[in-house]
């Protein structure tokens, strides 16, 4: 079996942990693949290196990240595109999406014997449609937010469902999240917790200028769209998973739909989602 190990080289202890993981896999008969940029940290190791992450994931049977949730999100988009399963080892702070802690890596040989679970996670397709110009497309694992730019005033946002106008908001922004992303930015913005294996789209206003604006859960078949009437003193920015961003204007419309792609997230943990979530939230309170 070929395992792609994706290492966040900026995370403390990620390289050390990855070396231990590599040794565990090799002792159990698996081949380890890595991105070429890691080669200087793993000299003398029996590892096959690839020039791009896309090529790396394409050649593997499953992918494993060593980092935090950001590392998983980055890898998840490639894994979903290549239809490869993914699991995360958490060397970040909380790691909501990571299934394995560093002290649990001796359990990783379970991946080689098929002794694991698979969770199907919904993704979002985000399309920025321009009246003039080329459309831009993104995949969201956690969320996409349309928010006011730095030093900008509160913005107006108009929301349509299946091409019919449903509501307008005055707010710092509107956040659209997958069930997986309900425990990320949406939770901090007051949104509900949703079982990550459900299929739905969660919309949460961020600092709305209203006493009655609440989160709304839409069916997964919904096609949502947002326009932002912006004057010269305002800016609006779309940010996807906190990693990609694009400035919006009066000629743009953002469309949010369930993606045809899904993420196969592997788990070795038999605890249910809510037990694990409670544990992580208690860790957050103590940090």
C-alpha atoms as a PDB file:
ATOM      1  CA  UNK A   1       0.000   0.000   0.000  1.00  0.00           C
ATOM      2  CA  UNK A   2       1.204   3.503  -0.836  1.00  0.00           C
ATOM      3  CA  UNK A   3       0.662   6.198   1.824  1.00  0.00           C
ATOM      4  CA  UNK A   4       1.142   9.883   1.003  1.00  0.00           C
ATOM      5  CA  UNK A   5       2.404  11.675   4.121  1.00  0.00           C
ATOM      6  CA  UNK A   6       1.705  15.419   3.867  1.00  0.00           C
ATOM      7  CA  UNK A   7       3.751  17.356   6.430  1.00  0.00           C
ATOM      8  CA  UNK A   8       3.207  20.928   7.586  1.00  0.00           C
ATOM      9  CA  UNK A   9       6.867  21.901   7.904  1.00  0.00           C
ATOM     10  CA  UNK A  10       5.964  25.074   9.825  1.00  0.00           C
ATOM     11  CA  UNK A  11       4.420  23.115  12.709  1.00  0.00           C
ATOM     12  CA  UNK A  12       6.602  22.362  15.698  1.00  0.00           C
ATOM     13  CA  UNK A  13       7.268  18.620  16.059  1.00  0.00           C
ATOM     14  CA  UNK A  14       5.663  17.810  12.671  1.00  0.00           C
ATOM     15  CA  UNK A  15       8.920  16.552  11.133  1.00  0.00           C
ATOM     16  CA  UNK A  16       9.810  14.467  14.188  1.00  0.00           C
ATOM     17  CA  UNK A  17       6.333  12.967  14.304  1.00  0.00           C
ATOM     18  CA  UNK A  18       6.418  12.288  10.553  1.00  0.00           C
ATOM     19  CA  UNK A  19       9.685  10.401  10.866  1.00  0.00           C
ATOM     20  CA  UNK A  20       8.125   8.152  13.501  1.00  0.00           C
ATOM     21  CA  UNK A  21       5.060   7.630  11.292  1.00  0.00           C
ATOM     22  CA  UNK A  22       7.248   6.821   8.277  1.00  0.00           C
ATOM     23  CA  UNK A  23       9.118   4.195  10.290  1.00  0.00           C
ATOM     24  CA  UNK A  24       5.854   2.644  11.500  1.00  0.00           C
ATOM     25  CA  UNK A  25       4.489   2.353   7.962  1.00  0.00           C
ATOM     26  CA  UNK A  26       7.701   0.921   6.528  1.00  0.00           C
ATOM     27  CA  UNK A  27       7.954  -1.699   9.289  1.00  0.00           C
ATOM     28  CA  UNK A  28       4.433  -2.778   8.378  1.00  0.00           C
ATOM     29  CA  UNK A  29       5.153  -3.126   4.669  1.00  0.00           C
ATOM     30  CA  UNK A  30       3.764   0.156   3.328  1.00  0.00           C
ATOM     31  CA  UNK A  31       5.472   2.531   0.889  1.00  0.00           C
ATOM     32  CA  UNK A  32       5.720   6.182   1.948  1.00  0.00           C
ATOM     33  CA  UNK A  33       5.350   9.030  -0.554  1.00  0.00           C
ATOM     34  CA  UNK A  34       6.039  12.722   0.101  1.00  0.00           C
ATOM     35  CA  UNK A  35       6.210  16.106  -1.596  1.00  0.00           C
ATOM     36  CA  UNK A  36       9.652  16.982  -3.002  1.00  0.00           C
ATOM     37  CA  UNK A  37       9.936  19.980  -0.686  1.00  0.00           C
ATOM     38  CA  UNK A  38      10.265  17.613   2.292  1.00  0.00           C
ATOM     39  CA  UNK A  39      13.309  15.781   0.906  1.00  0.00           C
ATOM     40  CA  UNK A  40      15.831  17.875   2.831  1.00  0.00           C
ATOM     41  CA  UNK A  41      14.216  16.854   6.125  1.00  0.00           C
ATOM     42  CA  UNK A  42      14.162  13.137   5.310  1.00  0.00           C
ATOM     43  CA  UNK A  43      17.588  12.455   3.797  1.00  0.00           C
ATOM     44  CA  UNK A  44      18.521   8.781   3.745  1.00  0.00           C
ATOM     45  CA  UNK A  45      14.902   7.707   4.287  1.00  0.00           C
ATOM     46  CA  UNK A  46      13.309   5.221   1.878  1.00  0.00           C
ATOM     47  CA  UNK A  47      10.694   7.676   0.625  1.00  0.00           C
ATOM     48  CA  UNK A  48       9.475   8.388  -2.900  1.00  0.00           C
ATOM     49  CA  UNK A  49       9.189  12.117  -3.581  1.00  0.00           C
ATOM     50  CA  UNK A  50       6.888  13.927  -6.036  1.00  0.00           C
ATOM     51  CA  UNK A  51       7.171  17.477  -7.431  1.00  0.00           C
ATOM     52  CA  UNK A  52       3.571  18.552  -6.712  1.00  0.00           C
ATOM     53  CA  UNK A  53       0.913  17.693  -4.132  1.00  0.00           C
ATOM     54  CA  UNK A  54      -1.513  16.779  -6.905  1.00  0.00           C
ATOM     55  CA  UNK A  55       0.892  14.213  -8.356  1.00  0.00           C
ATOM     56  CA  UNK A  56       1.704  12.940  -4.862  1.00  0.00           C
ATOM     57  CA  UNK A  57      -1.943  12.298  -3.967  1.00  0.00           C
ATOM     58  CA  UNK A  58      -2.706  10.879  -7.418  1.00  0.00           C
ATOM     59  CA  UNK A  59      -0.082   8.148  -6.903  1.00  0.00           C
ATOM     60  CA  UNK A  60      -1.124   7.085  -3.380  1.00  0.00           C
ATOM     61  CA  UNK A  61      -3.759   4.702  -2.023  1.00  0.00           C
ATOM     62  CA  UNK A  62      -4.539   7.007   0.896  1.00  0.00           C
ATOM     63  CA  UNK A  63      -3.196  10.282   2.268  1.00  0.00           C
ATOM     64  CA  UNK A  64      -2.226  11.239   5.815  1.00  0.00           C
ATOM     65  CA  UNK A  65      -1.560  14.775   7.030  1.00  0.00           C
ATOM     66  CA  UNK A  66       0.711  15.760   9.899  1.00  0.00           C
ATOM     67  CA  UNK A  67      -0.266  19.246  11.032  1.00  0.00           C
ATOM     68  CA  UNK A  68      -3.417  21.042  12.114  1.00  0.00           C
ATOM     69  CA  UNK A  69      -6.846  21.571  10.564  1.00  0.00           C
ATOM     70  CA  UNK A  70      -5.407  23.956   7.972  1.00  0.00           C
ATOM     71  CA  UNK A  71      -3.153  21.180   6.685  1.00  0.00           C
ATOM     72  CA  UNK A  72      -6.116  18.819   6.418  1.00  0.00           C
ATOM     73  CA  UNK A  73      -8.228  21.429   4.589  1.00  0.00           C
ATOM     74  CA  UNK A  74      -5.470  22.053   2.038  1.00  0.00           C
ATOM     75  CA  UNK A  75      -4.964  18.316   1.457  1.00  0.00           C
ATOM     76  CA  UNK A  76      -8.698  17.550   1.469  1.00  0.00           C
ATOM     77  CA  UNK A  77      -9.356  19.526  -1.716  1.00  0.00           C
ATOM     78  CA  UNK A  78      -6.709  17.535  -3.572  1.00  0.00           C
ATOM     79  CA  UNK A  79      -7.808  14.220  -2.033  1.00  0.00           C
ATOM     80  CA  UNK A  80     -11.436  14.837  -2.987  1.00  0.00           C
ATOM     81  CA  UNK A  81     -10.477  15.764  -6.547  1.00  0.00           C
ATOM     82  CA  UNK A  82      -8.367  12.604  -6.880  1.00  0.00           C
ATOM     83  CA  UNK A  83     -10.962  10.458  -5.037  1.00  0.00           C
ATOM     84  CA  UNK A  84      -8.466   9.362  -2.362  1.00  0.00           C
ATOM     85  CA  UNK A  85      -9.257   8.879   1.361  1.00  0.00           C
ATOM     86  CA  UNK A  86      -7.608  11.100   3.960  1.00  0.00           C
ATOM     87  CA  UNK A  87      -6.762  10.971   7.671  1.00  0.00           C
ATOM     88  CA  UNK A  88      -5.085  13.590   9.877  1.00  0.00           C
ATOM     89  CA  UNK A  89      -2.547  13.410  12.694  1.00  0.00           C
ATOM     90  CA  UNK A  90      -2.918  16.490  14.871  1.00  0.00           C
ATOM     91  CA  UNK A  91       0.212  18.409  15.815  1.00  0.00           C
ATOM     92  CA  UNK A  92      -1.705  21.690  15.849  1.00  0.00           C
ATOM     93  CA  UNK A  93      -3.682  23.214  18.705  1.00  0.00           C
ATOM     94  CA  UNK A  94      -7.113  21.563  18.658  1.00  0.00           C
ATOM     95  CA  UNK A  95      -7.436  19.690  15.397  1.00  0.00           C
ATOM     96  CA  UNK A  96     -11.214  19.275  15.073  1.00  0.00           C
ATOM     97  CA  UNK A  97     -10.811  17.411  11.780  1.00  0.00           C
ATOM     98  CA  UNK A  98      -7.769  15.347  12.770  1.00  0.00           C
ATOM     99  CA  UNK A  99      -8.555  11.854  14.023  1.00  0.00           C
ATOM    100  CA  UNK A 100      -5.191  10.834  15.511  1.00  0.00           C
ATOM    101  CA  UNK A 101      -3.111  12.507  18.227  1.00  0.00           C
ATOM    102  CA  UNK A 102       0.705  12.085  18.234  1.00  0.00           C
ATOM    103  CA  UNK A 103       0.546   9.666  21.183  1.00  0.00           C
ATOM    104  CA  UNK A 104      -1.791   7.444  19.145  1.00  0.00           C
ATOM    105  CA  UNK A 105       0.359   6.926  16.038  1.00  0.00           C
ATOM    106  CA  UNK A 106       1.096   3.318  17.018  1.00  0.00           C
ATOM    107  CA  UNK A 107      -2.497   2.632  15.885  1.00  0.00           C
ATOM    108  CA  UNK A 108      -1.780   3.700  12.298  1.00  0.00           C
ATOM    109  CA  UNK A 109      -1.096   0.121  11.067  1.00  0.00           C
ATOM    110  CA  UNK A 110      -4.882  -0.310  11.352  1.00  0.00           C
ATOM    111  CA  UNK A 111      -5.033   1.629   8.071  1.00  0.00           C
ATOM    112  CA  UNK A 112      -3.118  -1.167   6.357  1.00  0.00           C
ATOM    113  CA  UNK A 113      -5.466  -3.917   7.544  1.00  0.00           C
ATOM    114  CA  UNK A 114      -8.719  -2.143   6.712  1.00  0.00           C
ATOM    115  CA  UNK A 115      -9.589  -1.688  10.385  1.00  0.00           C
ATOM    116  CA  UNK A 116     -10.970   1.841  10.062  1.00  0.00           C
ATOM    117  CA  UNK A 117     -14.163   3.768   9.390  1.00  0.00           C
ATOM    118  CA  UNK A 118     -14.958   6.069   6.483  1.00  0.00           C
ATOM    119  CA  UNK A 119     -16.975   9.265   6.875  1.00  0.00           C
ATOM    120  CA  UNK A 120     -18.391  10.908   3.762  1.00  0.00           C
ATOM    121  CA  UNK A 121     -18.005  14.673   4.135  1.00  0.00           C
ATOM    122  CA  UNK A 122     -19.923  17.157   1.993  1.00  0.00           C
ATOM    123  CA  UNK A 123     -18.042  19.972   0.221  1.00  0.00           C
ATOM    124  CA  UNK A 124     -19.228  23.263  -1.285  1.00  0.00           C
ATOM    125  CA  UNK A 125     -18.702  24.634  -4.775  1.00  0.00           C
ATOM    126  CA  UNK A 126     -18.248  28.407  -4.637  1.00  0.00           C
ATOM    127  CA  UNK A 127     -18.510  30.291  -7.926  1.00  0.00           C
ATOM    128  CA  UNK A 128     -17.927  34.012  -8.324  1.00  0.00           C
ATOM    129  CA  UNK A 129     -19.834  35.110 -11.408  1.00  0.00           C
ATOM    130  CA  UNK A 130     -18.731  38.332 -13.094  1.00  0.00           C
ATOM    131  CA  UNK A 131     -20.949  40.400 -15.339  1.00  0.00           C
ATOM    132  CA  UNK A 132     -17.772  41.237 -17.226  1.00  0.00           C
ATOM    133  CA  UNK A 133     -14.877  38.811 -17.013  1.00  0.00           C
ATOM    134  CA  UNK A 134     -14.151  35.191 -16.262  1.00  0.00           C
ATOM    135  CA  UNK A 135     -15.919  33.302 -13.449  1.00  0.00           C
ATOM    136  CA  UNK A 136     -13.801  32.072 -10.524  1.00  0.00           C
ATOM    137  CA  UNK A 137     -14.438  28.710  -8.852  1.00  0.00           C
ATOM    138  CA  UNK A 138     -13.415  27.406  -5.426  1.00  0.00           C
ATOM    139  CA  UNK A 139     -14.014  24.294  -3.309  1.00  0.00           C
ATOM    140  CA  UNK A 140     -14.809  24.800   0.389  1.00  0.00           C
ATOM    141  CA  UNK A 141     -14.170  22.086   2.967  1.00  0.00           C
ATOM    142  CA  UNK A 142     -15.200  24.184   5.968  1.00  0.00           C
ATOM    143  CA  UNK A 143     -16.703  27.475   4.860  1.00  0.00           C
ATOM    144  CA  UNK A 144     -16.835  30.538   2.664  1.00  0.00           C
ATOM    145  CA  UNK A 145     -17.442  34.016   4.046  1.00  0.00           C
ATOM    146  CA  UNK A 146     -18.440  37.197   2.267  1.00  0.00           C
ATOM    147  CA  UNK A 147     -17.285  39.972   4.584  1.00  0.00           C
ATOM    148  CA  UNK A 148     -16.497  43.640   4.688  1.00  0.00           C
ATOM    149  CA  UNK A 149     -12.947  44.589   3.793  1.00  0.00           C
ATOM    150  CA  UNK A 150     -10.429  45.997   6.210  1.00  0.00           C
ATOM    151  CA  UNK A 151     -11.485  49.420   7.571  1.00  0.00           C
ATOM    152  CA  UNK A 152     -14.701  49.187   5.552  1.00  0.00           C
ATOM    153  CA  UNK A 153     -18.172  50.025   6.796  1.00  0.00           C
ATOM    154  CA  UNK A 154     -20.880  47.471   7.498  1.00  0.00           C
ATOM    155  CA  UNK A 155     -22.090  45.985   4.199  1.00  0.00           C
ATOM    156  CA  UNK A 156     -25.437  45.062   2.657  1.00  0.00           C
ATOM    157  CA  UNK A 157     -25.893  41.513   1.394  1.00  0.00           C
ATOM    158  CA  UNK A 158     -28.803  40.228  -0.678  1.00  0.00           C
ATOM    159  CA  UNK A 159     -29.468  36.475  -0.607  1.00  0.00           C
ATOM    160  CA  UNK A 160     -31.411  34.416  -3.152  1.00  0.00           C
ATOM    161  CA  UNK A 161     -32.458  30.767  -3.025  1.00  0.00           C
ATOM    162  CA  UNK A 162     -32.826  28.967  -6.360  1.00  0.00           C
ATOM    163  CA  UNK A 163     -32.839  32.368  -8.111  1.00  0.00           C
ATOM    164  CA  UNK A 164     -35.587  33.819  -5.897  1.00  0.00           C
ATOM    165  CA  UNK A 165     -34.746  36.638  -3.492  1.00  0.00           C
ATOM    166  CA  UNK A 166     -35.315  35.607   0.148  1.00  0.00           C
ATOM    167  CA  UNK A 167     -33.576  38.080   2.462  1.00  0.00           C
ATOM    168  CA  UNK A 168     -31.198  40.980   2.888  1.00  0.00           C
ATOM    169  CA  UNK A 169     -28.711  41.559   5.697  1.00  0.00           C
ATOM    170  CA  UNK A 170     -26.700  44.450   7.057  1.00  0.00           C
ATOM    171  CA  UNK A 171     -23.747  42.814   8.739  1.00  0.00           C
ATOM    172  CA  UNK A 172     -19.992  42.413   8.873  1.00  0.00           C
ATOM    173  CA  UNK A 173     -20.519  39.393   6.657  1.00  0.00           C
ATOM    174  CA  UNK A 174     -22.341  36.174   5.788  1.00  0.00           C
ATOM    175  CA  UNK A 175     -20.781  32.795   6.437  1.00  0.00           C
ATOM    176  CA  UNK A 176     -21.720  29.675   4.468  1.00  0.00           C
ATOM    177  CA  UNK A 177     -20.481  26.425   5.921  1.00  0.00           C
ATOM    178  CA  UNK A 178     -20.547  22.687   5.412  1.00  0.00           C
ATOM    179  CA  UNK A 179     -21.567  20.476   8.347  1.00  0.00           C
ATOM    180  CA  UNK A 180     -17.835  19.818   8.830  1.00  0.00           C
ATOM    181  CA  UNK A 181     -17.273  23.567   9.101  1.00  0.00           C
ATOM    182  CA  UNK A 182     -20.034  24.066  11.663  1.00  0.00           C
ATOM    183  CA  UNK A 183     -17.427  23.627  14.424  1.00  0.00           C
ATOM    184  CA  UNK A 184     -15.080  26.206  12.863  1.00  0.00           C
ATOM    185  CA  UNK A 185     -15.722  29.931  12.257  1.00  0.00           C
ATOM    186  CA  UNK A 186     -19.498  29.396  12.234  1.00  0.00           C
ATOM    187  CA  UNK A 187     -19.441  28.132  15.817  1.00  0.00           C
ATOM    188  CA  UNK A 188     -17.535  31.243  16.937  1.00  0.00           C
ATOM    189  CA  UNK A 189     -20.124  33.376  15.107  1.00  0.00           C
ATOM    190  CA  UNK A 190     -22.955  31.774  17.076  1.00  0.00           C
ATOM    191  CA  UNK A 191     -23.977  29.098  14.582  1.00  0.00           C
ATOM    192  CA  UNK A 192     -25.275  25.633  15.565  1.00  0.00           C
ATOM    193  CA  UNK A 193     -23.276  22.417  15.677  1.00  0.00           C
ATOM    194  CA  UNK A 194     -24.261  20.015  12.886  1.00  0.00           C
ATOM    195  CA  UNK A 195     -23.360  16.350  12.588  1.00  0.00           C
ATOM    196  CA  UNK A 196     -20.542  16.358   9.994  1.00  0.00           C
ATOM    197  CA  UNK A 197     -22.010  13.432   8.045  1.00  0.00           C
ATOM    198  CA  UNK A 198     -25.241  15.317   7.303  1.00  0.00           C
ATOM    199  CA  UNK A 199     -25.836  17.017   3.952  1.00  0.00           C
ATOM    200  CA  UNK A 200     -26.934  20.653   4.297  1.00  0.00           C
ATOM    201  CA  UNK A 201     -25.694  24.209   3.883  1.00  0.00           C
ATOM    202  CA  UNK A 202     -25.461  26.418   6.970  1.00  0.00           C
ATOM    203  CA  UNK A 203     -25.701  30.212   6.639  1.00  0.00           C
ATOM    204  CA  UNK A 204     -24.676  32.349   9.625  1.00  0.00           C
ATOM    205  CA  UNK A 205     -24.686  36.177   9.715  1.00  0.00           C
ATOM    206  CA  UNK A 206     -21.539  37.685  11.239  1.00  0.00           C
ATOM    207  CA  UNK A 207     -22.266  40.604  13.579  1.00  0.00           C
ATOM    208  CA  UNK A 208     -25.649  41.394  11.955  1.00  0.00           C
ATOM    209  CA  UNK A 209     -27.203  44.818  12.469  1.00  0.00           C
ATOM    210  CA  UNK A 210     -30.423  43.217  13.740  1.00  0.00           C
ATOM    211  CA  UNK A 211     -31.752  41.561  16.879  1.00  0.00           C
ATOM    212  CA  UNK A 212     -33.465  38.836  14.874  1.00  0.00           C
ATOM    213  CA  UNK A 213     -30.857  37.574  12.395  1.00  0.00           C
ATOM    214  CA  UNK A 214     -30.109  33.929  13.097  1.00  0.00           C
ATOM    215  CA  UNK A 215     -28.420  31.026  11.372  1.00  0.00           C
ATOM    216  CA  UNK A 216     -30.410  29.246   8.670  1.00  0.00           C
ATOM    217  CA  UNK A 217     -29.963  25.625   7.545  1.00  0.00           C
ATOM    218  CA  UNK A 218     -30.721  24.942   3.873  1.00  0.00           C
ATOM    219  CA  UNK A 219     -31.248  21.619   2.110  1.00  0.00           C
ATOM    220  CA  UNK A 220     -28.188  20.312   0.306  1.00  0.00           C
ATOM    221  CA  UNK A 221     -29.924  20.667  -3.082  1.00  0.00           C
ATOM    222  CA  UNK A 222     -30.239  24.434  -2.561  1.00  0.00           C
ATOM    223  CA  UNK A 223     -28.516  26.912  -4.845  1.00  0.00           C
ATOM    224  CA  UNK A 224     -27.770  30.042  -2.840  1.00  0.00           C
ATOM    225  CA  UNK A 225     -26.470  33.283  -4.280  1.00  0.00           C
ATOM    226  CA  UNK A 226     -25.314  36.559  -2.764  1.00  0.00           C
ATOM    227  CA  UNK A 227     -24.846  40.020  -4.239  1.00  0.00           C
ATOM    228  CA  UNK A 228     -23.273  42.958  -2.439  1.00  0.00           C
ATOM    229  CA  UNK A 229     -24.313  46.488  -3.491  1.00  0.00           C
ATOM    230  CA  UNK A 230     -21.108  48.361  -2.680  1.00  0.00           C
ATOM    231  CA  UNK A 231     -20.424  52.088  -2.822  1.00  0.00           C
ATOM    232  CA  UNK A 232     -17.052  53.799  -3.117  1.00  0.00           C
ATOM    233  CA  UNK A 233     -16.468  53.731   0.643  1.00  0.00           C
ATOM    234  CA  UNK A 234     -16.990  49.964   1.025  1.00  0.00           C
ATOM    235  CA  UNK A 235     -15.123  46.811   0.137  1.00  0.00           C
ATOM    236  CA  UNK A 236     -16.290  43.204   0.262  1.00  0.00           C
ATOM    237  CA  UNK A 237     -14.090  40.130   0.155  1.00  0.00           C
ATOM    238  CA  UNK A 238     -14.844  36.442  -0.339  1.00  0.00           C
ATOM    239  CA  UNK A 239     -12.616  34.154   1.727  1.00  0.00           C
ATOM    240  CA  UNK A 240     -12.723  30.373   1.286  1.00  0.00           C
ATOM    241  CA  UNK A 241     -11.523  28.156   4.160  1.00  0.00           C
ATOM    242  CA  UNK A 242      -9.364  31.023   5.399  1.00  0.00           C
ATOM    243  CA  UNK A 243      -6.864  30.222   2.623  1.00  0.00           C
ATOM    244  CA  UNK A 244      -8.102  31.814  -0.616  1.00  0.00           C
ATOM    245  CA  UNK A 245      -9.641  35.238  -1.108  1.00  0.00           C
ATOM    246  CA  UNK A 246     -11.094  37.423  -3.825  1.00  0.00           C
ATOM    247  CA  UNK A 247     -12.354  41.009  -3.756  1.00  0.00           C
ATOM    248  CA  UNK A 248     -15.978  41.459  -4.829  1.00  0.00           C
ATOM    249  CA  UNK A 249     -17.780  44.390  -6.458  1.00  0.00           C
ATOM    250  CA  UNK A 250     -21.160  45.426  -7.816  1.00  0.00           C
ATOM    251  CA  UNK A 251     -20.739  43.258 -10.906  1.00  0.00           C
ATOM    252  CA  UNK A 252     -20.153  39.996  -9.031  1.00  0.00           C
ATOM    253  CA  UNK A 253     -22.513  37.353  -7.726  1.00  0.00           C
ATOM    254  CA  UNK A 254     -21.377  34.549  -5.422  1.00  0.00           C
ATOM    255  CA  UNK A 255     -23.142  31.201  -5.909  1.00  0.00           C
ATOM    256  CA  UNK A 256     -22.947  28.514  -3.212  1.00  0.00           C
ATOM    257  CA  UNK A 257     -23.915  24.909  -3.961  1.00  0.00           C
ATOM    258  CA  UNK A 258     -23.218  21.408  -2.730  1.00  0.00           C
ATOM    259  CA  UNK A 259     -20.241  20.018  -4.636  1.00  0.00           C
ATOM    260  CA  UNK A 260     -20.389  16.831  -6.650  1.00  0.00           C
ATOM    261  CA  UNK A 261     -17.116  15.922  -4.936  1.00  0.00           C
ATOM    262  CA  UNK A 262     -17.079  14.360  -1.473  1.00  0.00           C
ATOM    263  CA  UNK A 263     -14.262  13.852   1.001  1.00  0.00           C
ATOM    264  CA  UNK A 264     -13.644  10.374   2.410  1.00  0.00           C
ATOM    265  CA  UNK A 265     -12.313  11.100   5.884  1.00  0.00           C
ATOM    266  CA  UNK A 266     -10.880   8.048   7.629  1.00  0.00           C
ATOM    267  CA  UNK A 267     -11.239   7.419  11.353  1.00  0.00           C
ATOM    268  CA  UNK A 268      -9.667   4.982  13.812  1.00  0.00           C
ATOM    269  CA  UNK A 269     -11.648   6.415  16.701  1.00  0.00           C
ATOM    270  CA  UNK A 270     -14.840   4.571  17.679  1.00  0.00           C
ATOM    271  CA  UNK A 271     -16.081   7.482  19.817  1.00  0.00           C
ATOM    272  CA  UNK A 272     -19.029   9.296  18.297  1.00  0.00           C
ATOM    273  CA  UNK A 273     -18.727  12.829  16.970  1.00  0.00           C
ATOM    274  CA  UNK A 274     -20.328  14.527  19.992  1.00  0.00           C
ATOM    275  CA  UNK A 275     -18.084  12.766  22.512  1.00  0.00           C
ATOM    276  CA  UNK A 276     -15.031  13.848  20.542  1.00  0.00           C
ATOM    277  CA  UNK A 277     -16.381  17.387  20.121  1.00  0.00           C
ATOM    278  CA  UNK A 278     -16.983  17.788  23.862  1.00  0.00           C
ATOM    279  CA  UNK A 279     -13.415  16.685  24.523  1.00  0.00           C
ATOM    280  CA  UNK A 280     -12.024  19.194  22.003  1.00  0.00           C
ATOM    281  CA  UNK A 281     -14.147  22.056  23.329  1.00  0.00           C
ATOM    282  CA  UNK A 282     -12.994  21.362  26.880  1.00  0.00           C
ATOM    283  CA  UNK A 283      -9.397  21.448  25.615  1.00  0.00           C
ATOM    284  CA  UNK A 284     -10.118  24.830  23.997  1.00  0.00           C
ATOM    285  CA  UNK A 285     -11.462  26.210  27.299  1.00  0.00           C
ATOM    286  CA  UNK A 286      -8.331  25.024  29.081  1.00  0.00           C
ATOM    287  CA  UNK A 287      -5.901  26.439  26.503  1.00  0.00           C
END
